[in-house]
C-alpha cells in the first residue's frame, strides 16, 4: 500500500501486492491497479469502499488464474489472504530454463 502528501493531508494511492516465497527467495506474485485512497485516517483499506474491494478482487482473480489457491491461516484483516501454488504450476526461473535447455 502506498500514499502521498498533498497540502498536509495524506491523500494517496492504494494498491495491493501479493508477495510469494519460492526456491529463489521472495518475489512479487502480483500487484493490483492503483486507486485513490481518499483521506487516510487509519491507514488501512476500507471494506466499504467499492474501489478498494474491486482492485483486491481483481488481484485475487489474477492469482487464481496463475494457479494460486486459497490457503487457511493468515490475518483477520479482510484484505490479507493466504494462497499456495503447486510448484509444478510455477513458472521456471531463468536458471531453471537454462538448466533444462542445456540438459536436453
N, C-alpha and C. Protein backbone atom coordinates (compact mmCIF):
# COMPACT_ATOMS: atom_id res chain seq x y z
N UNK A 1 0.84 -1.16 0.00
CA UNK A 1 0.00 0.00 0.00
C UNK A 1 0.89 1.23 0.00
N UNK A 2 0.50 2.25 -0.71
CA UNK A 2 1.32 3.45 -0.77
C UNK A 2 0.50 4.69 -0.53
N UNK A 3 1.16 5.79 -0.36
CA UNK A 3 0.44 7.04 -0.11
C UNK A 3 1.31 8.23 -0.44
N UNK A 4 0.73 9.39 -0.34
CA UNK A 4 1.48 10.61 -0.62
C UNK A 4 0.91 11.77 0.16
N UNK A 5 1.63 12.87 0.19
CA UNK A 5 1.19 14.05 0.93
C UNK A 5 0.67 15.09 -0.05
N UNK A 6 -0.41 15.74 0.29
CA UNK A 6 -0.98 16.82 -0.51
C UNK A 6 -1.52 17.87 0.44
N UNK A 7 -0.90 19.02 0.45
CA UNK A 7 -1.32 20.14 1.30
C UNK A 7 -1.45 19.74 2.77
N UNK A 8 -0.56 18.89 3.22
CA UNK A 8 -0.57 18.49 4.62
C UNK A 8 -1.55 17.38 4.94
N UNK A 9 -2.39 17.00 3.98
CA UNK A 9 -3.33 15.91 4.20
C UNK A 9 -2.84 14.71 3.42
N UNK A 10 -2.99 13.56 3.99
CA UNK A 10 -2.49 12.35 3.35
C UNK A 10 -3.52 11.82 2.35
N UNK A 11 -3.40 12.27 1.11
CA UNK A 11 -4.20 11.77 0.00
C UNK A 11 -3.24 11.02 -0.89
N UNK A 12 -3.45 9.75 -1.09
CA UNK A 12 -2.50 8.99 -1.88
C UNK A 12 -3.19 7.94 -2.71
N UNK A 13 -2.42 6.97 -3.05
CA UNK A 13 -2.91 5.86 -3.85
C UNK A 13 -2.88 4.59 -3.02
N UNK A 14 -3.79 3.71 -3.31
CA UNK A 14 -3.84 2.42 -2.66
C UNK A 14 -3.66 1.34 -3.71
N UNK A 15 -2.88 0.32 -3.38
CA UNK A 15 -2.77 -0.86 -4.21
C UNK A 15 -2.48 -2.04 -3.30
N UNK A 16 -2.71 -3.22 -3.82
CA UNK A 16 -2.44 -4.44 -3.08
C UNK A 16 -1.34 -5.20 -3.80
N UNK A 17 -0.47 -5.83 -3.02
CA UNK A 17 0.60 -6.64 -3.58
C UNK A 17 0.53 -8.04 -2.98
N UNK A 18 0.83 -9.03 -3.82
CA UNK A 18 0.92 -10.41 -3.36
C UNK A 18 2.40 -10.78 -3.34
N UNK A 19 2.91 -11.05 -2.17
CA UNK A 19 4.31 -11.44 -2.01
C UNK A 19 4.38 -12.95 -1.86
N UNK A 20 5.32 -13.56 -2.56
CA UNK A 20 5.47 -15.02 -2.51
C UNK A 20 6.91 -15.37 -2.14
N UNK A 21 7.08 -16.59 -1.71
CA UNK A 21 8.41 -17.09 -1.39
C UNK A 21 8.61 -18.38 -2.17
N UNK A 22 9.69 -18.43 -2.93
CA UNK A 22 9.98 -19.61 -3.75
C UNK A 22 11.40 -20.07 -3.52
N UNK A 23 11.83 -20.98 -4.37
CA UNK A 23 13.17 -21.55 -4.22
C UNK A 23 14.26 -20.50 -4.42
N UNK A 24 13.95 -19.42 -5.10
CA UNK A 24 14.91 -18.34 -5.32
C UNK A 24 14.69 -17.15 -4.39
N UNK A 25 13.90 -17.35 -3.34
CA UNK A 25 13.65 -16.27 -2.38
C UNK A 25 12.30 -15.63 -2.58
N UNK A 26 12.14 -14.44 -2.03
CA UNK A 26 10.87 -13.71 -2.10
C UNK A 26 10.75 -12.98 -3.43
N UNK A 27 9.50 -12.90 -3.90
CA UNK A 27 9.22 -12.16 -5.13
C UNK A 27 7.78 -11.68 -5.12
N UNK A 28 7.48 -10.77 -6.01
CA UNK A 28 6.12 -10.24 -6.11
C UNK A 28 5.33 -11.12 -7.07
N UNK A 29 4.30 -11.80 -6.56
CA UNK A 29 3.48 -12.68 -7.38
C UNK A 29 2.40 -11.90 -8.13
N UNK A 30 2.09 -10.71 -7.66
CA UNK A 30 1.08 -9.90 -8.33
C UNK A 30 0.93 -8.56 -7.66
N UNK A 31 0.35 -7.63 -8.41
CA UNK A 31 0.09 -6.29 -7.90
C UNK A 31 -1.20 -5.80 -8.54
N UNK A 32 -2.05 -5.18 -7.73
CA UNK A 32 -3.31 -4.64 -8.24
C UNK A 32 -3.09 -3.30 -8.92
N UNK A 33 -4.14 -2.81 -9.54
CA UNK A 33 -4.13 -1.44 -10.03
C UNK A 33 -4.11 -0.50 -8.84
N UNK A 34 -3.90 0.76 -9.10
CA UNK A 34 -3.89 1.78 -8.05
C UNK A 34 -5.18 2.57 -8.11
N UNK A 35 -5.71 2.91 -6.95
CA UNK A 35 -6.89 3.77 -6.85
C UNK A 35 -6.61 4.84 -5.81
N UNK A 36 -7.30 5.98 -5.92
CA UNK A 36 -7.14 6.99 -4.87
C UNK A 36 -7.57 6.44 -3.53
N UNK A 37 -6.78 6.72 -2.53
CA UNK A 37 -7.05 6.21 -1.19
C UNK A 37 -8.11 7.05 -0.49
N UNK A 38 -8.25 8.29 -0.87
CA UNK A 38 -9.05 9.29 -0.17
C UNK A 38 -8.31 9.71 1.09
N UNK A 39 -9.00 10.29 2.00
CA UNK A 39 -8.38 10.74 3.24
C UNK A 39 -7.99 9.51 4.05
N UNK A 40 -6.74 9.41 4.40
CA UNK A 40 -6.25 8.27 5.16
C UNK A 40 -6.26 8.64 6.64
N UNK A 41 -7.19 8.10 7.35
CA UNK A 41 -7.26 8.35 8.78
C UNK A 41 -6.58 7.23 9.55
N UNK A 42 -6.93 6.01 9.19
CA UNK A 42 -6.39 4.86 9.90
C UNK A 42 -5.26 4.19 9.14
N UNK A 43 -5.09 4.52 7.88
CA UNK A 43 -4.03 3.93 7.09
C UNK A 43 -4.30 2.50 6.65
N UNK A 44 -5.57 2.11 6.58
CA UNK A 44 -5.89 0.75 6.16
C UNK A 44 -6.94 0.80 5.05
N UNK A 45 -6.98 -0.23 4.19
CA UNK A 45 -8.02 -0.28 3.16
C UNK A 45 -9.41 -0.33 3.79
N UNK A 46 -10.36 0.25 3.09
CA UNK A 46 -11.73 0.37 3.59
C UNK A 46 -12.62 -0.70 2.97
N UNK A 47 -13.16 -1.58 3.78
CA UNK A 47 -14.01 -2.66 3.28
C UNK A 47 -15.36 -2.16 2.76
N UNK A 48 -15.66 -0.88 2.96
CA UNK A 48 -16.91 -0.29 2.46
C UNK A 48 -16.67 0.55 1.21
N UNK A 49 -15.42 0.63 0.77
CA UNK A 49 -15.09 1.42 -0.42
C UNK A 49 -15.10 0.49 -1.63
N UNK A 50 -16.04 0.68 -2.58
CA UNK A 50 -16.14 -0.22 -3.74
C UNK A 50 -14.85 -0.30 -4.56
N UNK A 51 -14.10 0.78 -4.65
CA UNK A 51 -12.85 0.76 -5.41
C UNK A 51 -11.82 -0.13 -4.73
N UNK A 52 -11.73 -0.09 -3.41
CA UNK A 52 -10.80 -0.94 -2.67
C UNK A 52 -11.17 -2.41 -2.86
N UNK A 53 -12.45 -2.71 -2.74
CA UNK A 53 -12.93 -4.09 -2.90
C UNK A 53 -12.64 -4.57 -4.32
N UNK A 54 -12.88 -3.73 -5.30
CA UNK A 54 -12.71 -4.11 -6.71
C UNK A 54 -11.27 -4.46 -7.06
N UNK A 55 -10.32 -3.60 -6.67
CA UNK A 55 -8.93 -3.90 -7.05
C UNK A 55 -8.41 -5.11 -6.29
N UNK A 56 -8.89 -5.32 -5.07
CA UNK A 56 -8.49 -6.51 -4.31
C UNK A 56 -9.03 -7.76 -5.00
N UNK A 57 -10.29 -7.72 -5.40
CA UNK A 57 -10.90 -8.86 -6.09
C UNK A 57 -10.19 -9.16 -7.41
N UNK A 58 -9.80 -8.11 -8.13
CA UNK A 58 -9.06 -8.29 -9.39
C UNK A 58 -7.74 -9.01 -9.14
N UNK A 59 -7.03 -8.63 -8.08
CA UNK A 59 -5.75 -9.28 -7.77
C UNK A 59 -5.98 -10.74 -7.40
N UNK A 60 -6.98 -11.02 -6.58
CA UNK A 60 -7.27 -12.41 -6.19
C UNK A 60 -7.60 -13.23 -7.44
N UNK A 61 -8.39 -12.66 -8.35
CA UNK A 61 -8.74 -13.36 -9.60
C UNK A 61 -7.49 -13.66 -10.42
N UNK A 62 -6.59 -12.67 -10.53
CA UNK A 62 -5.35 -12.87 -11.28
C UNK A 62 -4.50 -13.98 -10.66
N UNK A 63 -4.39 -13.99 -9.33
CA UNK A 63 -3.61 -15.02 -8.66
C UNK A 63 -4.20 -16.41 -8.92
N UNK A 64 -5.51 -16.52 -8.82
CA UNK A 64 -6.17 -17.81 -9.06
C UNK A 64 -5.96 -18.26 -10.50
N UNK A 65 -6.00 -17.33 -11.42
CA UNK A 65 -5.77 -17.65 -12.84
C UNK A 65 -4.34 -18.16 -13.05
N UNK A 66 -3.40 -17.68 -12.24
CA UNK A 66 -2.00 -18.10 -12.32
C UNK A 66 -1.72 -19.37 -11.53
N UNK A 67 -2.77 -20.02 -11.01
CA UNK A 67 -2.58 -21.29 -10.33
C UNK A 67 -2.52 -21.23 -8.82
N UNK A 68 -2.69 -20.05 -8.24
CA UNK A 68 -2.67 -19.91 -6.78
C UNK A 68 -4.03 -20.32 -6.24
N UNK A 69 -4.03 -21.02 -5.12
CA UNK A 69 -5.26 -21.46 -4.47
C UNK A 69 -5.31 -20.91 -3.05
N UNK A 70 -6.52 -20.53 -2.60
CA UNK A 70 -6.65 -20.03 -1.22
C UNK A 70 -6.15 -21.07 -0.22
N UNK A 71 -5.50 -20.59 0.83
CA UNK A 71 -4.98 -21.46 1.89
C UNK A 71 -5.50 -20.94 3.22
N UNK A 72 -5.60 -21.80 4.19
CA UNK A 72 -6.06 -21.38 5.51
C UNK A 72 -4.96 -20.60 6.22
N UNK A 73 -5.35 -19.93 7.26
CA UNK A 73 -4.40 -19.14 8.04
C UNK A 73 -4.39 -17.70 7.56
N UNK A 74 -3.47 -16.95 8.07
CA UNK A 74 -3.36 -15.56 7.68
C UNK A 74 -3.91 -14.64 8.74
N UNK A 75 -4.26 -13.48 8.30
CA UNK A 75 -4.70 -12.42 9.20
C UNK A 75 -6.22 -12.34 9.25
N UNK A 76 -6.73 -11.65 10.24
CA UNK A 76 -8.17 -11.43 10.34
C UNK A 76 -8.59 -10.20 9.51
N UNK A 77 -7.63 -9.47 8.96
CA UNK A 77 -7.96 -8.30 8.14
C UNK A 77 -8.46 -8.78 6.78
N UNK A 78 -9.52 -8.19 6.26
CA UNK A 78 -10.21 -8.68 5.07
C UNK A 78 -9.31 -8.75 3.85
N UNK A 79 -8.33 -7.90 3.74
CA UNK A 79 -7.50 -7.87 2.53
C UNK A 79 -6.28 -8.79 2.61
N UNK A 80 -5.98 -9.32 3.77
CA UNK A 80 -4.82 -10.19 3.92
C UNK A 80 -5.23 -11.66 3.76
N UNK A 81 -4.95 -12.19 2.60
CA UNK A 81 -5.30 -13.57 2.26
C UNK A 81 -4.03 -14.38 2.08
N UNK A 82 -4.15 -15.68 2.26
CA UNK A 82 -3.02 -16.59 2.03
C UNK A 82 -3.37 -17.49 0.85
N UNK A 83 -2.37 -17.73 0.01
CA UNK A 83 -2.53 -18.61 -1.14
C UNK A 83 -1.34 -19.56 -1.20
N UNK A 84 -1.52 -20.61 -1.93
CA UNK A 84 -0.41 -21.52 -2.20
C UNK A 84 -0.54 -21.97 -3.65
N UNK A 85 0.57 -22.43 -4.19
CA UNK A 85 0.57 -22.91 -5.57
C UNK A 85 1.48 -24.12 -5.66
N UNK A 86 1.01 -25.14 -6.34
CA UNK A 86 1.82 -26.33 -6.59
C UNK A 86 3.05 -25.88 -7.36
N UNK A 87 4.22 -26.28 -6.91
CA UNK A 87 5.46 -25.83 -7.56
C UNK A 87 5.52 -26.25 -9.03
N UNK A 88 4.82 -27.30 -9.41
CA UNK A 88 4.83 -27.70 -10.82
C UNK A 88 4.07 -26.70 -11.69
N UNK A 89 3.23 -25.86 -11.08
CA UNK A 89 2.48 -24.84 -11.82
C UNK A 89 3.21 -23.50 -11.86
N UNK A 90 4.28 -23.39 -11.10
CA UNK A 90 5.02 -22.13 -11.04
C UNK A 90 5.88 -21.97 -12.29
N UNK A 91 6.01 -20.75 -12.80
CA UNK A 91 6.88 -20.56 -13.95
C UNK A 91 8.33 -20.83 -13.56
N UNK A 92 9.10 -21.32 -14.51
CA UNK A 92 10.50 -21.62 -14.24
C UNK A 92 11.31 -20.33 -14.13
N UNK A 93 12.30 -20.37 -13.25
CA UNK A 93 13.23 -19.25 -13.14
C UNK A 93 14.17 -19.30 -14.35
N UNK A 94 14.89 -18.24 -14.59
CA UNK A 94 15.84 -18.21 -15.70
C UNK A 94 16.87 -19.32 -15.54
N UNK A 95 17.34 -19.51 -14.33
CA UNK A 95 18.32 -20.57 -14.06
C UNK A 95 17.74 -21.95 -14.42
N UNK A 96 16.48 -22.19 -14.03
CA UNK A 96 15.85 -23.47 -14.34
C UNK A 96 15.68 -23.66 -15.84
N UNK A 97 15.33 -22.58 -16.54
CA UNK A 97 15.18 -22.66 -18.00
C UNK A 97 16.51 -22.99 -18.67
N UNK A 98 17.59 -22.38 -18.21
CA UNK A 98 18.91 -22.64 -18.79
C UNK A 98 19.32 -24.08 -18.53
N UNK A 99 19.14 -24.54 -17.29
CA UNK A 99 19.49 -25.93 -16.97
C UNK A 99 18.67 -26.91 -17.81
N UNK A 100 17.40 -26.65 -17.96
CA UNK A 100 16.53 -27.51 -18.76
C UNK A 100 16.99 -27.53 -20.21
N UNK A 101 17.33 -26.37 -20.75
CA UNK A 101 17.80 -26.26 -22.13
C UNK A 101 19.11 -27.01 -22.33
N UNK A 102 20.04 -26.83 -21.39
CA UNK A 102 21.36 -27.47 -21.52
C UNK A 102 21.29 -28.99 -21.33
N UNK A 103 20.31 -29.47 -20.56
CA UNK A 103 20.22 -30.91 -20.32
C UNK A 103 19.50 -31.64 -21.47
N UNK A 104 18.91 -30.92 -22.40
CA UNK A 104 18.21 -31.60 -23.50
C UNK A 104 19.04 -31.74 -24.74
